[in-house]
Amino acid sequence: MRFNRRLLVAYLIEHGVNTVPKLMQMTGWPNRSIQKLILSLADMNVQISFVGAKKNGQYQVTDWASLNKAWICQHVNTICELSGLDHCRIAAILTQLS
């Protein structure tokens, strides 16, 4: 489940859900979990950078490493399900980001 959550966080950041409060609102996951997932992307060699000031900055994916961004986009519904999100949240993610 943790691997899928990492994929989902990278996907969301890439699609403009790129601050911790936005990620919390979209996924329903706690602040600390989001922060740990962002940090853990480095374990997969995915590079995330923070741009801007601490209060109004945002994250961006600067290197996807060996992850196939197109594959993730194509399978985001399944990734959401495997991440433990309920169907209402999945629908919200897919509706808002499409």
C-alpha atoms as a PDB file:
ATOM      1  CA  MET A   1       0.000   0.000   0.000  1.00  0.00           C
ATOM      2  CA  ARG A   2       2.829   2.409   0.832  1.00  0.00           C
ATOM      3  CA  PHE A   3       4.340   2.084  -2.662  1.00  0.00           C
ATOM      4  CA  ASN A   4       0.991   2.977  -4.235  1.00  0.00           C
ATOM      5  CA  ARG A   5       0.600   5.944  -1.918  1.00  0.00           C
ATOM      6  CA  ARG A   6       3.989   7.209  -3.043  1.00  0.00           C
ATOM      7  CA  LEU A   7       2.928   6.906  -6.680  1.00  0.00           C
ATOM      8  CA  LEU A   8      -0.303   8.733  -5.927  1.00  0.00           C
ATOM      9  CA  VAL A   9       1.445  11.585  -4.096  1.00  0.00           C
ATOM     10  CA  ALA A  10       3.867  12.069  -7.003  1.00  0.00           C
ATOM     11  CA  TYR A  11       0.932  12.011  -9.447  1.00  0.00           C
ATOM     12  CA  LEU A  12      -1.024  14.555  -7.415  1.00  0.00           C
ATOM     13  CA  ILE A  13       1.961  16.883  -7.069  1.00  0.00           C
ATOM     14  CA  GLU A  14       2.505  16.698 -10.833  1.00  0.00           C
ATOM     15  CA  HIS A  15      -1.141  17.615 -11.402  1.00  0.00           C
ATOM     16  CA  GLY A  16      -1.241  20.698  -9.184  1.00  0.00           C
ATOM     17  CA  VAL A  17      -2.194  19.205  -5.826  1.00  0.00           C
ATOM     18  CA  ASN A  18       1.230  20.324  -4.689  1.00  0.00           C
ATOM     19  CA  THR A  19       1.042  21.539  -1.097  1.00  0.00           C
ATOM     20  CA  VAL A  20       0.597  19.540   2.079  1.00  0.00           C
ATOM     21  CA  PRO A  21      -2.823  21.094   2.850  1.00  0.00           C
ATOM     22  CA  LYS A  22      -4.057  20.337  -0.686  1.00  0.00           C
ATOM     23  CA  LEU A  23      -2.759  16.765  -0.472  1.00  0.00           C
ATOM     24  CA  MET A  24      -4.428  16.318   2.923  1.00  0.00           C
ATOM     25  CA  GLN A  25      -7.735  17.617   1.582  1.00  0.00           C
ATOM     26  CA  MET A  26      -7.606  15.443  -1.534  1.00  0.00           C
ATOM     27  CA  THR A  27      -6.562  12.188   0.173  1.00  0.00           C
ATOM     28  CA  GLY A  28      -7.821  12.538   3.740  1.00  0.00           C
ATOM     29  CA  TRP A  29      -4.419  11.475   5.040  1.00  0.00           C
ATOM     30  CA  PRO A  30      -2.842  13.247   8.037  1.00  0.00           C
ATOM     31  CA  ASN A  31      -0.191  15.931   7.696  1.00  0.00           C
ATOM     32  CA  ARG A  32       2.640  13.764   8.998  1.00  0.00           C
ATOM     33  CA  SER A  33       1.772  10.893   6.642  1.00  0.00           C
ATOM     34  CA  ILE A  34       1.876  13.245   3.647  1.00  0.00           C
ATOM     35  CA  GLN A  35       5.240  14.644   4.740  1.00  0.00           C
ATOM     36  CA  LYS A  36       6.685  11.140   5.198  1.00  0.00           C
ATOM     37  CA  LEU A  37       5.415  10.056   1.778  1.00  0.00           C
ATOM     38  CA  ILE A  38       6.999  13.089   0.109  1.00  0.00           C
ATOM     39  CA  LEU A  39      10.321  12.359   1.829  1.00  0.00           C
ATOM     40  CA  SER A  40      10.112   8.649   1.012  1.00  0.00           C
ATOM     41  CA  LEU A  41       9.916   9.366  -2.717  1.00  0.00           C
ATOM     42  CA  ALA A  42      13.670   9.967  -2.517  1.00  0.00           C
ATOM     43  CA  ASP A  43      14.054   6.252  -1.660  1.00  0.00           C
ATOM     44  CA  MET A  44      12.727   5.574  -5.164  1.00  0.00           C
ATOM     45  CA  ASN A  45      15.078   8.204  -6.641  1.00  0.00           C
ATOM     46  CA  VAL A  46      12.105  10.417  -7.456  1.00  0.00           C
ATOM     47  CA  GLN A  47      13.235  13.978  -6.873  1.00  0.00           C
ATOM     48  CA  ILE A  48      10.790  16.391  -5.339  1.00  0.00           C
ATOM     49  CA  SER A  49      11.749  20.013  -4.824  1.00  0.00           C
ATOM     50  CA  PHE A  50      10.039  22.758  -2.883  1.00  0.00           C
ATOM     51  CA  VAL A  51       9.710  26.050  -4.730  1.00  0.00           C
ATOM     52  CA  GLY A  52       8.805  29.321  -3.054  1.00  0.00           C
ATOM     53  CA  ALA A  53       8.529  30.512   0.504  1.00  0.00           C
ATOM     54  CA  LYS A  54       7.652  28.114   3.316  1.00  0.00           C
ATOM     55  CA  LYS A  55       4.194  29.566   3.814  1.00  0.00           C
ATOM     56  CA  ASN A  56       3.143  29.801   0.175  1.00  0.00           C
ATOM     57  CA  GLY A  57       5.484  27.508  -1.729  1.00  0.00           C
ATOM     58  CA  GLN A  58       4.711  24.272  -3.484  1.00  0.00           C
ATOM     59  CA  TYR A  59       6.260  20.931  -4.340  1.00  0.00           C
ATOM     60  CA  GLN A  60       7.184  19.858  -7.833  1.00  0.00           C
ATOM     61  CA  VAL A  61       8.484  16.618  -9.307  1.00  0.00           C
ATOM     62  CA  THR A  62      11.844  17.388 -10.901  1.00  0.00           C
ATOM     63  CA  ASP A  63      12.863  13.826 -11.814  1.00  0.00           C
ATOM     64  CA  TRP A  64      10.653  10.746 -12.107  1.00  0.00           C
ATOM     65  CA  ALA A  65      13.716   8.432 -12.099  1.00  0.00           C
ATOM     66  CA  SER A  66      12.671   4.995 -13.355  1.00  0.00           C
ATOM     67  CA  LEU A  67       8.948   5.580 -12.797  1.00  0.00           C
ATOM     68  CA  ASN A  68       6.838   5.752 -15.933  1.00  0.00           C
ATOM     69  CA  LYS A  69       4.702   8.861 -15.528  1.00  0.00           C
ATOM     70  CA  ALA A  70       2.431   7.882 -18.441  1.00  0.00           C
ATOM     71  CA  TRP A  71       1.756   4.467 -16.862  1.00  0.00           C
ATOM     72  CA  ILE A  72       0.898   6.091 -13.541  1.00  0.00           C
ATOM     73  CA  CYS A  73      -1.529   8.489 -15.245  1.00  0.00           C
ATOM     74  CA  GLN A  74      -3.116   5.607 -17.117  1.00  0.00           C
ATOM     75  CA  HIS A  75      -3.600   3.522 -13.942  1.00  0.00           C
ATOM     76  CA  VAL A  76      -4.405   6.240 -11.391  1.00  0.00           C
ATOM     77  CA  ASN A  77      -7.827   4.726 -10.600  1.00  0.00           C
ATOM     78  CA  THR A  78      -6.266   1.400  -9.608  1.00  0.00           C
ATOM     79  CA  ILE A  79      -3.479   3.171  -7.705  1.00  0.00           C
ATOM     80  CA  CYS A  80      -6.121   5.094  -5.727  1.00  0.00           C
ATOM     81  CA  GLU A  81      -7.943   1.876  -4.847  1.00  0.00           C
ATOM     82  CA  LEU A  82      -4.730   0.133  -3.802  1.00  0.00           C
ATOM     83  CA  SER A  83      -3.835   3.180  -1.690  1.00  0.00           C
ATOM     84  CA  GLY A  84      -6.890   2.549   0.444  1.00  0.00           C
ATOM     85  CA  LEU A  85      -8.954   5.527  -0.681  1.00  0.00           C
ATOM     86  CA  ASP A  86     -12.717   5.204  -0.668  1.00  0.00           C
ATOM     87  CA  HIS A  87     -14.652   5.507  -3.910  1.00  0.00           C
ATOM     88  CA  CYS A  88     -15.864   9.041  -3.153  1.00  0.00           C
ATOM     89  CA  ARG A  89     -12.301  10.315  -2.810  1.00  0.00           C
ATOM     90  CA  ILE A  90     -11.236   8.461  -5.953  1.00  0.00           C
ATOM     91  CA  ALA A  91     -14.093  10.045  -7.884  1.00  0.00           C
ATOM     92  CA  ALA A  92     -13.134  13.485  -6.545  1.00  0.00           C
ATOM     93  CA  ILE A  93      -9.508  13.010  -7.586  1.00  0.00           C
ATOM     94  CA  LEU A  94     -10.390  11.812 -11.068  1.00  0.00           C
ATOM     95  CA  THR A  95     -13.008  14.532 -11.586  1.00  0.00           C
ATOM     96  CA  GLN A  96     -10.869  17.391 -10.330  1.00  0.00           C
ATOM     97  CA  LEU A  97      -7.727  16.409 -12.203  1.00  0.00           C
ATOM     98  CA  SER A  98      -9.196  15.388 -15.540  1.00  0.00           C
END
